[in-house]
Amino acid sequence: RRKRRRPRRGEDFNFTEALVKADF
């Protein structure tokens, strides 16, 4: 558990977080 931050590529994304990524 850590302070919540935006994930970087290679880490676990929520579905909505992935939807805003160009790579997705």
PDBML (XML) file of the C-alpha atoms, coordinates in Angstrom:
<?xml version="1.0" encoding="UTF-8" ?>
<PDBx:datablock datablockName="MODEL"
   xmlns:PDBx="http://pdbml.pdb.org/schema/pdbx-v50.xsd"
   xmlns:xsi="http://www.w3.org/2001/XMLSchema-instance"
   xsi:schemaLocation="http://pdbml.pdb.org/schema/pdbx-v50.xsd pdbx-v50.xsd">
   <PDBx:atom_siteCategory>
      <PDBx:atom_site id="1">
         <PDBx:B_iso_or_equiv>0.00</PDBx:B_iso_or_equiv>
         <PDBx:Cartn_x>0.000</PDBx:Cartn_x>
         <PDBx:Cartn_y>0.000</PDBx:Cartn_y>
         <PDBx:Cartn_z>0.000</PDBx:Cartn_z>
         <PDBx:auth_asym_id>A</PDBx:auth_asym_id>
         <PDBx:auth_atom_id>CA</PDBx:auth_atom_id>
         <PDBx:auth_comp_id>ARG</PDBx:auth_comp_id>
         <PDBx:auth_seq_id>1</PDBx:auth_seq_id>
         <PDBx:group_PDB>ATOM</PDBx:group_PDB>
         <PDBx:label_alt_id xsi:nil="true" />
         <PDBx:label_asym_id>A</PDBx:label_asym_id>
         <PDBx:label_atom_id>CA</PDBx:label_atom_id>
         <PDBx:label_comp_id>ARG</PDBx:label_comp_id>
         <PDBx:label_entity_id>1</PDBx:label_entity_id>
         <PDBx:label_seq_id>1</PDBx:label_seq_id>
         <PDBx:occupancy>1.00</PDBx:occupancy>
         <PDBx:pdbx_PDB_model_num>1</PDBx:pdbx_PDB_model_num>
         <PDBx:type_symbol>C</PDBx:type_symbol>
      </PDBx:atom_site>
      <PDBx:atom_site id="2">
         <PDBx:B_iso_or_equiv>0.00</PDBx:B_iso_or_equiv>
         <PDBx:Cartn_x>1.313</PDBx:Cartn_x>
         <PDBx:Cartn_y>3.397</PDBx:Cartn_y>
         <PDBx:Cartn_z>-0.964</PDBx:Cartn_z>
         <PDBx:auth_asym_id>A</PDBx:auth_asym_id>
         <PDBx:auth_atom_id>CA</PDBx:auth_atom_id>
         <PDBx:auth_comp_id>ARG</PDBx:auth_comp_id>
         <PDBx:auth_seq_id>2</PDBx:auth_seq_id>
         <PDBx:group_PDB>ATOM</PDBx:group_PDB>
         <PDBx:label_alt_id xsi:nil="true" />
         <PDBx:label_asym_id>A</PDBx:label_asym_id>
         <PDBx:label_atom_id>CA</PDBx:label_atom_id>
         <PDBx:label_comp_id>ARG</PDBx:label_comp_id>
         <PDBx:label_entity_id>1</PDBx:label_entity_id>
         <PDBx:label_seq_id>2</PDBx:label_seq_id>
         <PDBx:occupancy>1.00</PDBx:occupancy>
         <PDBx:pdbx_PDB_model_num>1</PDBx:pdbx_PDB_model_num>
         <PDBx:type_symbol>C</PDBx:type_symbol>
      </PDBx:atom_site>
      <PDBx:atom_site id="3">
         <PDBx:B_iso_or_equiv>0.00</PDBx:B_iso_or_equiv>
         <PDBx:Cartn_x>-0.023</PDBx:Cartn_x>
         <PDBx:Cartn_y>6.779</PDBx:Cartn_y>
         <PDBx:Cartn_z>-1.665</PDBx:Cartn_z>
         <PDBx:auth_asym_id>A</PDBx:auth_asym_id>
         <PDBx:auth_atom_id>CA</PDBx:auth_atom_id>
         <PDBx:auth_comp_id>LYS</PDBx:auth_comp_id>
         <PDBx:auth_seq_id>3</PDBx:auth_seq_id>
         <PDBx:group_PDB>ATOM</PDBx:group_PDB>
         <PDBx:label_alt_id xsi:nil="true" />
         <PDBx:label_asym_id>A</PDBx:label_asym_id>
         <PDBx:label_atom_id>CA</PDBx:label_atom_id>
         <PDBx:label_comp_id>LYS</PDBx:label_comp_id>
         <PDBx:label_entity_id>1</PDBx:label_entity_id>
         <PDBx:label_seq_id>3</PDBx:label_seq_id>
         <PDBx:occupancy>1.00</PDBx:occupancy>
         <PDBx:pdbx_PDB_model_num>1</PDBx:pdbx_PDB_model_num>
         <PDBx:type_symbol>C</PDBx:type_symbol>
      </PDBx:atom_site>
      <PDBx:atom_site id="4">
         <PDBx:B_iso_or_equiv>0.00</PDBx:B_iso_or_equiv>
         <PDBx:Cartn_x>-2.197</PDBx:Cartn_x>
         <PDBx:Cartn_y>6.560</PDBx:Cartn_y>
         <PDBx:Cartn_z>-4.742</PDBx:Cartn_z>
         <PDBx:auth_asym_id>A</PDBx:auth_asym_id>
         <PDBx:auth_atom_id>CA</PDBx:auth_atom_id>
         <PDBx:auth_comp_id>ARG</PDBx:auth_comp_id>
         <PDBx:auth_seq_id>4</PDBx:auth_seq_id>
         <PDBx:group_PDB>ATOM</PDBx:group_PDB>
         <PDBx:label_alt_id xsi:nil="true" />
         <PDBx:label_asym_id>A</PDBx:label_asym_id>
         <PDBx:label_atom_id>CA</PDBx:label_atom_id>
         <PDBx:label_comp_id>ARG</PDBx:label_comp_id>
         <PDBx:label_entity_id>1</PDBx:label_entity_id>
         <PDBx:label_seq_id>4</PDBx:label_seq_id>
         <PDBx:occupancy>1.00</PDBx:occupancy>
         <PDBx:pdbx_PDB_model_num>1</PDBx:pdbx_PDB_model_num>
         <PDBx:type_symbol>C</PDBx:type_symbol>
      </PDBx:atom_site>
      <PDBx:atom_site id="5">
         <PDBx:B_iso_or_equiv>0.00</PDBx:B_iso_or_equiv>
         <PDBx:Cartn_x>-0.707</PDBx:Cartn_x>
         <PDBx:Cartn_y>7.979</PDBx:Cartn_y>
         <PDBx:Cartn_z>-7.921</PDBx:Cartn_z>
         <PDBx:auth_asym_id>A</PDBx:auth_asym_id>
         <PDBx:auth_atom_id>CA</PDBx:auth_atom_id>
         <PDBx:auth_comp_id>ARG</PDBx:auth_comp_id>
         <PDBx:auth_seq_id>5</PDBx:auth_seq_id>
         <PDBx:group_PDB>ATOM</PDBx:group_PDB>
         <PDBx:label_alt_id xsi:nil="true" />
         <PDBx:label_asym_id>A</PDBx:label_asym_id>
         <PDBx:label_atom_id>CA</PDBx:label_atom_id>
         <PDBx:label_comp_id>ARG</PDBx:label_comp_id>
         <PDBx:label_entity_id>1</PDBx:label_entity_id>
         <PDBx:label_seq_id>5</PDBx:label_seq_id>
         <PDBx:occupancy>1.00</PDBx:occupancy>
         <PDBx:pdbx_PDB_model_num>1</PDBx:pdbx_PDB_model_num>
         <PDBx:type_symbol>C</PDBx:type_symbol>
      </PDBx:atom_site>
      <PDBx:atom_site id="6">
         <PDBx:B_iso_or_equiv>0.00</PDBx:B_iso_or_equiv>
         <PDBx:Cartn_x>-1.242</PDBx:Cartn_x>
         <PDBx:Cartn_y>7.507</PDBx:Cartn_y>
         <PDBx:Cartn_z>-11.607</PDBx:Cartn_z>
         <PDBx:auth_asym_id>A</PDBx:auth_asym_id>
         <PDBx:auth_atom_id>CA</PDBx:auth_atom_id>
         <PDBx:auth_comp_id>ARG</PDBx:auth_comp_id>
         <PDBx:auth_seq_id>6</PDBx:auth_seq_id>
         <PDBx:group_PDB>ATOM</PDBx:group_PDB>
         <PDBx:label_alt_id xsi:nil="true" />
         <PDBx:label_asym_id>A</PDBx:label_asym_id>
         <PDBx:label_atom_id>CA</PDBx:label_atom_id>
         <PDBx:label_comp_id>ARG</PDBx:label_comp_id>
         <PDBx:label_entity_id>1</PDBx:label_entity_id>
         <PDBx:label_seq_id>6</PDBx:label_seq_id>
         <PDBx:occupancy>1.00</PDBx:occupancy>
         <PDBx:pdbx_PDB_model_num>1</PDBx:pdbx_PDB_model_num>
         <PDBx:type_symbol>C</PDBx:type_symbol>
      </PDBx:atom_site>
      <PDBx:atom_site id="7">
         <PDBx:B_iso_or_equiv>0.00</PDBx:B_iso_or_equiv>
         <PDBx:Cartn_x>0.284</PDBx:Cartn_x>
         <PDBx:Cartn_y>4.242</PDBx:Cartn_y>
         <PDBx:Cartn_z>-12.828</PDBx:Cartn_z>
         <PDBx:auth_asym_id>A</PDBx:auth_asym_id>
         <PDBx:auth_atom_id>CA</PDBx:auth_atom_id>
         <PDBx:auth_comp_id>PRO</PDBx:auth_comp_id>
         <PDBx:auth_seq_id>7</PDBx:auth_seq_id>
         <PDBx:group_PDB>ATOM</PDBx:group_PDB>
         <PDBx:label_alt_id xsi:nil="true" />
         <PDBx:label_asym_id>A</PDBx:label_asym_id>
         <PDBx:label_atom_id>CA</PDBx:label_atom_id>
         <PDBx:label_comp_id>PRO</PDBx:label_comp_id>
         <PDBx:label_entity_id>1</PDBx:label_entity_id>
         <PDBx:label_seq_id>7</PDBx:label_seq_id>
         <PDBx:occupancy>1.00</PDBx:occupancy>
         <PDBx:pdbx_PDB_model_num>1</PDBx:pdbx_PDB_model_num>
         <PDBx:type_symbol>C</PDBx:type_symbol>
      </PDBx:atom_site>
      <PDBx:atom_site id="8">
         <PDBx:B_iso_or_equiv>0.00</PDBx:B_iso_or_equiv>
         <PDBx:Cartn_x>3.041</PDBx:Cartn_x>
         <PDBx:Cartn_y>4.130</PDBx:Cartn_y>
         <PDBx:Cartn_z>-15.374</PDBx:Cartn_z>
         <PDBx:auth_asym_id>A</PDBx:auth_asym_id>
         <PDBx:auth_atom_id>CA</PDBx:auth_atom_id>
         <PDBx:auth_comp_id>ARG</PDBx:auth_comp_id>
         <PDBx:auth_seq_id>8</PDBx:auth_seq_id>
         <PDBx:group_PDB>ATOM</PDBx:group_PDB>
         <PDBx:label_alt_id xsi:nil="true" />
         <PDBx:label_asym_id>A</PDBx:label_asym_id>
         <PDBx:label_atom_id>CA</PDBx:label_atom_id>
         <PDBx:label_comp_id>ARG</PDBx:label_comp_id>
         <PDBx:label_entity_id>1</PDBx:label_entity_id>
         <PDBx:label_seq_id>8</PDBx:label_seq_id>
         <PDBx:occupancy>1.00</PDBx:occupancy>
         <PDBx:pdbx_PDB_model_num>1</PDBx:pdbx_PDB_model_num>
         <PDBx:type_symbol>C</PDBx:type_symbol>
      </PDBx:atom_site>
      <PDBx:atom_site id="9">
         <PDBx:B_iso_or_equiv>0.00</PDBx:B_iso_or_equiv>
         <PDBx:Cartn_x>3.150</PDBx:Cartn_x>
         <PDBx:Cartn_y>1.747</PDBx:Cartn_y>
         <PDBx:Cartn_z>-18.310</PDBx:Cartn_z>
         <PDBx:auth_asym_id>A</PDBx:auth_asym_id>
         <PDBx:auth_atom_id>CA</PDBx:auth_atom_id>
         <PDBx:auth_comp_id>ARG</PDBx:auth_comp_id>
         <PDBx:auth_seq_id>9</PDBx:auth_seq_id>
         <PDBx:group_PDB>ATOM</PDBx:group_PDB>
         <PDBx:label_alt_id xsi:nil="true" />
         <PDBx:label_asym_id>A</PDBx:label_asym_id>
         <PDBx:label_atom_id>CA</PDBx:label_atom_id>
         <PDBx:label_comp_id>ARG</PDBx:label_comp_id>
         <PDBx:label_entity_id>1</PDBx:label_entity_id>
         <PDBx:label_seq_id>9</PDBx:label_seq_id>
         <PDBx:occupancy>1.00</PDBx:occupancy>
         <PDBx:pdbx_PDB_model_num>1</PDBx:pdbx_PDB_model_num>
         <PDBx:type_symbol>C</PDBx:type_symbol>
      </PDBx:atom_site>
      <PDBx:atom_site id="10">
         <PDBx:B_iso_or_equiv>0.00</PDBx:B_iso_or_equiv>
         <PDBx:Cartn_x>4.028</PDBx:Cartn_x>
         <PDBx:Cartn_y>-1.722</PDBx:Cartn_y>
         <PDBx:Cartn_z>-17.038</PDBx:Cartn_z>
         <PDBx:auth_asym_id>A</PDBx:auth_asym_id>
         <PDBx:auth_atom_id>CA</PDBx:auth_atom_id>
         <PDBx:auth_comp_id>GLY</PDBx:auth_comp_id>
         <PDBx:auth_seq_id>10</PDBx:auth_seq_id>
         <PDBx:group_PDB>ATOM</PDBx:group_PDB>
         <PDBx:label_alt_id xsi:nil="true" />
         <PDBx:label_asym_id>A</PDBx:label_asym_id>
         <PDBx:label_atom_id>CA</PDBx:label_atom_id>
         <PDBx:label_comp_id>GLY</PDBx:label_comp_id>
         <PDBx:label_entity_id>1</PDBx:label_entity_id>
         <PDBx:label_seq_id>10</PDBx:label_seq_id>
         <PDBx:occupancy>1.00</PDBx:occupancy>
         <PDBx:pdbx_PDB_model_num>1</PDBx:pdbx_PDB_model_num>
         <PDBx:type_symbol>C</PDBx:type_symbol>
      </PDBx:atom_site>
      <PDBx:atom_site id="11">
         <PDBx:B_iso_or_equiv>0.00</PDBx:B_iso_or_equiv>
         <PDBx:Cartn_x>2.082</PDBx:Cartn_x>
         <PDBx:Cartn_y>-1.229</PDBx:Cartn_y>
         <PDBx:Cartn_z>-13.809</PDBx:Cartn_z>
         <PDBx:auth_asym_id>A</PDBx:auth_asym_id>
         <PDBx:auth_atom_id>CA</PDBx:auth_atom_id>
         <PDBx:auth_comp_id>GLU</PDBx:auth_comp_id>
         <PDBx:auth_seq_id>11</PDBx:auth_seq_id>
         <PDBx:group_PDB>ATOM</PDBx:group_PDB>
         <PDBx:label_alt_id xsi:nil="true" />
         <PDBx:label_asym_id>A</PDBx:label_asym_id>
         <PDBx:label_atom_id>CA</PDBx:label_atom_id>
         <PDBx:label_comp_id>GLU</PDBx:label_comp_id>
         <PDBx:label_entity_id>1</PDBx:label_entity_id>
         <PDBx:label_seq_id>11</PDBx:label_seq_id>
         <PDBx:occupancy>1.00</PDBx:occupancy>
         <PDBx:pdbx_PDB_model_num>1</PDBx:pdbx_PDB_model_num>
         <PDBx:type_symbol>C</PDBx:type_symbol>
      </PDBx:atom_site>
      <PDBx:atom_site id="12">
         <PDBx:B_iso_or_equiv>0.00</PDBx:B_iso_or_equiv>
         <PDBx:Cartn_x>-1.528</PDBx:Cartn_x>
         <PDBx:Cartn_y>-2.121</PDBx:Cartn_y>
         <PDBx:Cartn_z>-12.988</PDBx:Cartn_z>
         <PDBx:auth_asym_id>A</PDBx:auth_asym_id>
         <PDBx:auth_atom_id>CA</PDBx:auth_atom_id>
         <PDBx:auth_comp_id>ASP</PDBx:auth_comp_id>
         <PDBx:auth_seq_id>12</PDBx:auth_seq_id>
         <PDBx:group_PDB>ATOM</PDBx:group_PDB>
         <PDBx:label_alt_id xsi:nil="true" />
         <PDBx:label_asym_id>A</PDBx:label_asym_id>
         <PDBx:label_atom_id>CA</PDBx:label_atom_id>
         <PDBx:label_comp_id>ASP</PDBx:label_comp_id>
         <PDBx:label_entity_id>1</PDBx:label_entity_id>
         <PDBx:label_seq_id>12</PDBx:label_seq_id>
         <PDBx:occupancy>1.00</PDBx:occupancy>
         <PDBx:pdbx_PDB_model_num>1</PDBx:pdbx_PDB_model_num>
         <PDBx:type_symbol>C</PDBx:type_symbol>
      </PDBx:atom_site>
      <PDBx:atom_site id="13">
         <PDBx:B_iso_or_equiv>0.00</PDBx:B_iso_or_equiv>
         <PDBx:Cartn_x>-4.070</PDBx:Cartn_x>
         <PDBx:Cartn_y>0.209</PDBx:Cartn_y>
         <PDBx:Cartn_z>-14.599</PDBx:Cartn_z>
         <PDBx:auth_asym_id>A</PDBx:auth_asym_id>
         <PDBx:auth_atom_id>CA</PDBx:auth_atom_id>
         <PDBx:auth_comp_id>PHE</PDBx:auth_comp_id>
         <PDBx:auth_seq_id>13</PDBx:auth_seq_id>
         <PDBx:group_PDB>ATOM</PDBx:group_PDB>
         <PDBx:label_alt_id xsi:nil="true" />
         <PDBx:label_asym_id>A</PDBx:label_asym_id>
         <PDBx:label_atom_id>CA</PDBx:label_atom_id>
         <PDBx:label_comp_id>PHE</PDBx:label_comp_id>
         <PDBx:label_entity_id>1</PDBx:label_entity_id>
         <PDBx:label_seq_id>13</PDBx:label_seq_id>
         <PDBx:occupancy>1.00</PDBx:occupancy>
         <PDBx:pdbx_PDB_model_num>1</PDBx:pdbx_PDB_model_num>
         <PDBx:type_symbol>C</PDBx:type_symbol>
      </PDBx:atom_site>
      <PDBx:atom_site id="14">
         <PDBx:B_iso_or_equiv>0.00</PDBx:B_iso_or_equiv>
         <PDBx:Cartn_x>-7.749</PDBx:Cartn_x>
         <PDBx:Cartn_y>0.510</PDBx:Cartn_y>
         <PDBx:Cartn_z>-13.892</PDBx:Cartn_z>
         <PDBx:auth_asym_id>A</PDBx:auth_asym_id>
         <PDBx:auth_atom_id>CA</PDBx:auth_atom_id>
         <PDBx:auth_comp_id>ASN</PDBx:auth_comp_id>
         <PDBx:auth_seq_id>14</PDBx:auth_seq_id>
         <PDBx:group_PDB>ATOM</PDBx:group_PDB>
         <PDBx:label_alt_id xsi:nil="true" />
         <PDBx:label_asym_id>A</PDBx:label_asym_id>
         <PDBx:label_atom_id>CA</PDBx:label_atom_id>
         <PDBx:label_comp_id>ASN</PDBx:label_comp_id>
         <PDBx:label_entity_id>1</PDBx:label_entity_id>
         <PDBx:label_seq_id>14</PDBx:label_seq_id>
         <PDBx:occupancy>1.00</PDBx:occupancy>
         <PDBx:pdbx_PDB_model_num>1</PDBx:pdbx_PDB_model_num>
         <PDBx:type_symbol>C</PDBx:type_symbol>
      </PDBx:atom_site>
      <PDBx:atom_site id="15">
         <PDBx:B_iso_or_equiv>0.00</PDBx:B_iso_or_equiv>
         <PDBx:Cartn_x>-9.857</PDBx:Cartn_x>
         <PDBx:Cartn_y>0.179</PDBx:Cartn_y>
         <PDBx:Cartn_z>-17.015</PDBx:Cartn_z>
         <PDBx:auth_asym_id>A</PDBx:auth_asym_id>
         <PDBx:auth_atom_id>CA</PDBx:auth_atom_id>
         <PDBx:auth_comp_id>PHE</PDBx:auth_comp_id>
         <PDBx:auth_seq_id>15</PDBx:auth_seq_id>
         <PDBx:group_PDB>ATOM</PDBx:group_PDB>
         <PDBx:label_alt_id xsi:nil="true" />
         <PDBx:label_asym_id>A</PDBx:label_asym_id>
         <PDBx:label_atom_id>CA</PDBx:label_atom_id>
         <PDBx:label_comp_id>PHE</PDBx:label_comp_id>
         <PDBx:label_entity_id>1</PDBx:label_entity_id>
         <PDBx:label_seq_id>15</PDBx:label_seq_id>
         <PDBx:occupancy>1.00</PDBx:occupancy>
         <PDBx:pdbx_PDB_model_num>1</PDBx:pdbx_PDB_model_num>
         <PDBx:type_symbol>C</PDBx:type_symbol>
      </PDBx:atom_site>
      <PDBx:atom_site id="16">
         <PDBx:B_iso_or_equiv>0.00</PDBx:B_iso_or_equiv>
         <PDBx:Cartn_x>-10.742</PDBx:Cartn_x>
         <PDBx:Cartn_y>3.878</PDBx:Cartn_y>
         <PDBx:Cartn_z>-17.094</PDBx:Cartn_z>
         <PDBx:auth_asym_id>A</PDBx:auth_asym_id>
         <PDBx:auth_atom_id>CA</PDBx:auth_atom_id>
         <PDBx:auth_comp_id>THR</PDBx:auth_comp_id>
         <PDBx:auth_seq_id>16</PDBx:auth_seq_id>
         <PDBx:group_PDB>ATOM</PDBx:group_PDB>
         <PDBx:label_alt_id xsi:nil="true" />
         <PDBx:label_asym_id>A</PDBx:label_asym_id>
         <PDBx:label_atom_id>CA</PDBx:label_atom_id>
         <PDBx:label_comp_id>THR</PDBx:label_comp_id>
         <PDBx:label_entity_id>1</PDBx:label_entity_id>
         <PDBx:label_seq_id>16</PDBx:label_seq_id>
         <PDBx:occupancy>1.00</PDBx:occupancy>
         <PDBx:pdbx_PDB_model_num>1</PDBx:pdbx_PDB_model_num>
         <PDBx:type_symbol>C</PDBx:type_symbol>
      </PDBx:atom_site>
      <PDBx:atom_site id="17">
         <PDBx:B_iso_or_equiv>0.00</PDBx:B_iso_or_equiv>
         <PDBx:Cartn_x>-7.065</PDBx:Cartn_x>
         <PDBx:Cartn_y>4.780</PDBx:Cartn_y>
         <PDBx:Cartn_z>-16.660</PDBx:Cartn_z>
         <PDBx:auth_asym_id>A</PDBx:auth_asym_id>
         <PDBx:auth_atom_id>CA</PDBx:auth_atom_id>
         <PDBx:auth_comp_id>GLU</PDBx:auth_comp_id>
         <PDBx:auth_seq_id>17</PDBx:auth_seq_id>
         <PDBx:group_PDB>ATOM</PDBx:group_PDB>
         <PDBx:label_alt_id xsi:nil="true" />
         <PDBx:label_asym_id>A</PDBx:label_asym_id>
         <PDBx:label_atom_id>CA</PDBx:label_atom_id>
         <PDBx:label_comp_id>GLU</PDBx:label_comp_id>
         <PDBx:label_entity_id>1</PDBx:label_entity_id>
         <PDBx:label_seq_id>17</PDBx:label_seq_id>
         <PDBx:occupancy>1.00</PDBx:occupancy>
         <PDBx:pdbx_PDB_model_num>1</PDBx:pdbx_PDB_model_num>
         <PDBx:type_symbol>C</PDBx:type_symbol>
      </PDBx:atom_site>
      <PDBx:atom_site id="18">
         <PDBx:B_iso_or_equiv>0.00</PDBx:B_iso_or_equiv>
         <PDBx:Cartn_x>-6.118</PDBx:Cartn_x>
         <PDBx:Cartn_y>2.611</PDBx:Cartn_y>
         <PDBx:Cartn_z>-19.617</PDBx:Cartn_z>
         <PDBx:auth_asym_id>A</PDBx:auth_asym_id>
         <PDBx:auth_atom_id>CA</PDBx:auth_atom_id>
         <PDBx:auth_comp_id>ALA</PDBx:auth_comp_id>
         <PDBx:auth_seq_id>18</PDBx:auth_seq_id>
         <PDBx:group_PDB>ATOM</PDBx:group_PDB>
         <PDBx:label_alt_id xsi:nil="true" />
         <PDBx:label_asym_id>A</PDBx:label_asym_id>
         <PDBx:label_atom_id>CA</PDBx:label_atom_id>
         <PDBx:label_comp_id>ALA</PDBx:label_comp_id>
         <PDBx:label_entity_id>1</PDBx:label_entity_id>
         <PDBx:label_seq_id>18</PDBx:label_seq_id>
         <PDBx:occupancy>1.00</PDBx:occupancy>
         <PDBx:pdbx_PDB_model_num>1</PDBx:pdbx_PDB_model_num>
         <PDBx:type_symbol>C</PDBx:type_symbol>
      </PDBx:atom_site>
      <PDBx:atom_site id="19">
         <PDBx:B_iso_or_equiv>0.00</PDBx:B_iso_or_equiv>
         <PDBx:Cartn_x>-8.826</PDBx:Cartn_x>
         <PDBx:Cartn_y>4.148</PDBx:Cartn_y>
         <PDBx:Cartn_z>-21.818</PDBx:Cartn_z>
         <PDBx:auth_asym_id>A</PDBx:auth_asym_id>
         <PDBx:auth_atom_id>CA</PDBx:auth_atom_id>
         <PDBx:auth_comp_id>LEU</PDBx:auth_comp_id>
         <PDBx:auth_seq_id>19</PDBx:auth_seq_id>
         <PDBx:group_PDB>ATOM</PDBx:group_PDB>
         <PDBx:label_alt_id xsi:nil="true" />
         <PDBx:label_asym_id>A</PDBx:label_asym_id>
         <PDBx:label_atom_id>CA</PDBx:label_atom_id>
         <PDBx:label_comp_id>LEU</PDBx:label_comp_id>
         <PDBx:label_entity_id>1</PDBx:label_entity_id>
         <PDBx:label_seq_id>19</PDBx:label_seq_id>
         <PDBx:occupancy>1.00</PDBx:occupancy>
         <PDBx:pdbx_PDB_model_num>1</PDBx:pdbx_PDB_model_num>
         <PDBx:type_symbol>C</PDBx:type_symbol>
      </PDBx:atom_site>
      <PDBx:atom_site id="20">
         <PDBx:B_iso_or_equiv>0.00</PDBx:B_iso_or_equiv>
         <PDBx:Cartn_x>-7.112</PDBx:Cartn_x>
         <PDBx:Cartn_y>7.547</PDBx:Cartn_y>
         <PDBx:Cartn_z>-21.806</PDBx:Cartn_z>
         <PDBx:auth_asym_id>A</PDBx:auth_asym_id>
         <PDBx:auth_atom_id>CA</PDBx:auth_atom_id>
         <PDBx:auth_comp_id>VAL</PDBx:auth_comp_id>
         <PDBx:auth_seq_id>20</PDBx:auth_seq_id>
         <PDBx:group_PDB>ATOM</PDBx:group_PDB>
         <PDBx:label_alt_id xsi:nil="true" />
         <PDBx:label_asym_id>A</PDBx:label_asym_id>
         <PDBx:label_atom_id>CA</PDBx:label_atom_id>
         <PDBx:label_comp_id>VAL</PDBx:label_comp_id>
         <PDBx:label_entity_id>1</PDBx:label_entity_id>
         <PDBx:label_seq_id>20</PDBx:label_seq_id>
         <PDBx:occupancy>1.00</PDBx:occupancy>
         <PDBx:pdbx_PDB_model_num>1</PDBx:pdbx_PDB_model_num>
         <PDBx:type_symbol>C</PDBx:type_symbol>
      </PDBx:atom_site>
      <PDBx:atom_site id="21">
         <PDBx:B_iso_or_equiv>0.00</PDBx:B_iso_or_equiv>
         <PDBx:Cartn_x>-3.749</PDBx:Cartn_x>
         <PDBx:Cartn_y>6.106</PDBx:Cartn_y>
         <PDBx:Cartn_z>-22.882</PDBx:Cartn_z>
         <PDBx:auth_asym_id>A</PDBx:auth_asym_id>
         <PDBx:auth_atom_id>CA</PDBx:auth_atom_id>
         <PDBx:auth_comp_id>LYS</PDBx:auth_comp_id>
         <PDBx:auth_seq_id>21</PDBx:auth_seq_id>
         <PDBx:group_PDB>ATOM</PDBx:group_PDB>
         <PDBx:label_alt_id xsi:nil="true" />
         <PDBx:label_asym_id>A</PDBx:label_asym_id>
         <PDBx:label_atom_id>CA</PDBx:label_atom_id>
         <PDBx:label_comp_id>LYS</PDBx:label_comp_id>
         <PDBx:label_entity_id>1</PDBx:label_entity_id>
         <PDBx:label_seq_id>21</PDBx:label_seq_id>
         <PDBx:occupancy>1.00</PDBx:occupancy>
         <PDBx:pdbx_PDB_model_num>1</PDBx:pdbx_PDB_model_num>
         <PDBx:type_symbol>C</PDBx:type_symbol>
      </PDBx:atom_site>
      <PDBx:atom_site id="22">
         <PDBx:B_iso_or_equiv>0.00</PDBx:B_iso_or_equiv>
         <PDBx:Cartn_x>-2.662</PDBx:Cartn_x>
         <PDBx:Cartn_y>6.383</PDBx:Cartn_y>
         <PDBx:Cartn_z>-26.510</PDBx:Cartn_z>
         <PDBx:auth_asym_id>A</PDBx:auth_asym_id>
         <PDBx:auth_atom_id>CA</PDBx:auth_atom_id>
         <PDBx:auth_comp_id>ALA</PDBx:auth_comp_id>
         <PDBx:auth_seq_id>22</PDBx:auth_seq_id>
         <PDBx:group_PDB>ATOM</PDBx:group_PDB>
         <PDBx:label_alt_id xsi:nil="true" />
         <PDBx:label_asym_id>A</PDBx:label_asym_id>
         <PDBx:label_atom_id>CA</PDBx:label_atom_id>
         <PDBx:label_comp_id>ALA</PDBx:label_comp_id>
         <PDBx:label_entity_id>1</PDBx:label_entity_id>
         <PDBx:label_seq_id>22</PDBx:label_seq_id>
         <PDBx:occupancy>1.00</PDBx:occupancy>
         <PDBx:pdbx_PDB_model_num>1</PDBx:pdbx_PDB_model_num>
         <PDBx:type_symbol>C</PDBx:type_symbol>
      </PDBx:atom_site>
      <PDBx:atom_site id="23">
         <PDBx:B_iso_or_equiv>0.00</PDBx:B_iso_or_equiv>
         <PDBx:Cartn_x>-0.916</PDBx:Cartn_x>
         <PDBx:Cartn_y>2.992</PDBx:Cartn_y>
         <PDBx:Cartn_z>-26.280</PDBx:Cartn_z>
         <PDBx:auth_asym_id>A</PDBx:auth_asym_id>
         <PDBx:auth_atom_id>CA</PDBx:auth_atom_id>
         <PDBx:auth_comp_id>ASP</PDBx:auth_comp_id>
         <PDBx:auth_seq_id>23</PDBx:auth_seq_id>
         <PDBx:group_PDB>ATOM</PDBx:group_PDB>
         <PDBx:label_alt_id xsi:nil="true" />
         <PDBx:label_asym_id>A</PDBx:label_asym_id>
         <PDBx:label_atom_id>CA</PDBx:label_atom_id>
         <PDBx:label_comp_id>ASP</PDBx:label_comp_id>
         <PDBx:label_entity_id>1</PDBx:label_entity_id>
         <PDBx:label_seq_id>23</PDBx:label_seq_id>
         <PDBx:occupancy>1.00</PDBx:occupancy>
         <PDBx:pdbx_PDB_model_num>1</PDBx:pdbx_PDB_model_num>
         <PDBx:type_symbol>C</PDBx:type_symbol>
      </PDBx:atom_site>
      <PDBx:atom_site id="24">
         <PDBx:B_iso_or_equiv>0.00</PDBx:B_iso_or_equiv>
         <PDBx:Cartn_x>-4.203</PDBx:Cartn_x>
         <PDBx:Cartn_y>1.288</PDBx:Cartn_y>
         <PDBx:Cartn_z>-25.434</PDBx:Cartn_z>
         <PDBx:auth_asym_id>A</PDBx:auth_asym_id>
         <PDBx:auth_atom_id>CA</PDBx:auth_atom_id>
         <PDBx:auth_comp_id>PHE</PDBx:auth_comp_id>
         <PDBx:auth_seq_id>24</PDBx:auth_seq_id>
         <PDBx:group_PDB>ATOM</PDBx:group_PDB>
         <PDBx:label_alt_id xsi:nil="true" />
         <PDBx:label_asym_id>A</PDBx:label_asym_id>
         <PDBx:label_atom_id>CA</PDBx:label_atom_id>
         <PDBx:label_comp_id>PHE</PDBx:label_comp_id>
         <PDBx:label_entity_id>1</PDBx:label_entity_id>
         <PDBx:label_seq_id>24</PDBx:label_seq_id>
         <PDBx:occupancy>1.00</PDBx:occupancy>
         <PDBx:pdbx_PDB_model_num>1</PDBx:pdbx_PDB_model_num>
         <PDBx:type_symbol>C</PDBx:type_symbol>
      </PDBx:atom_site>
   </PDBx:atom_siteCategory>
</PDBx:datablock>
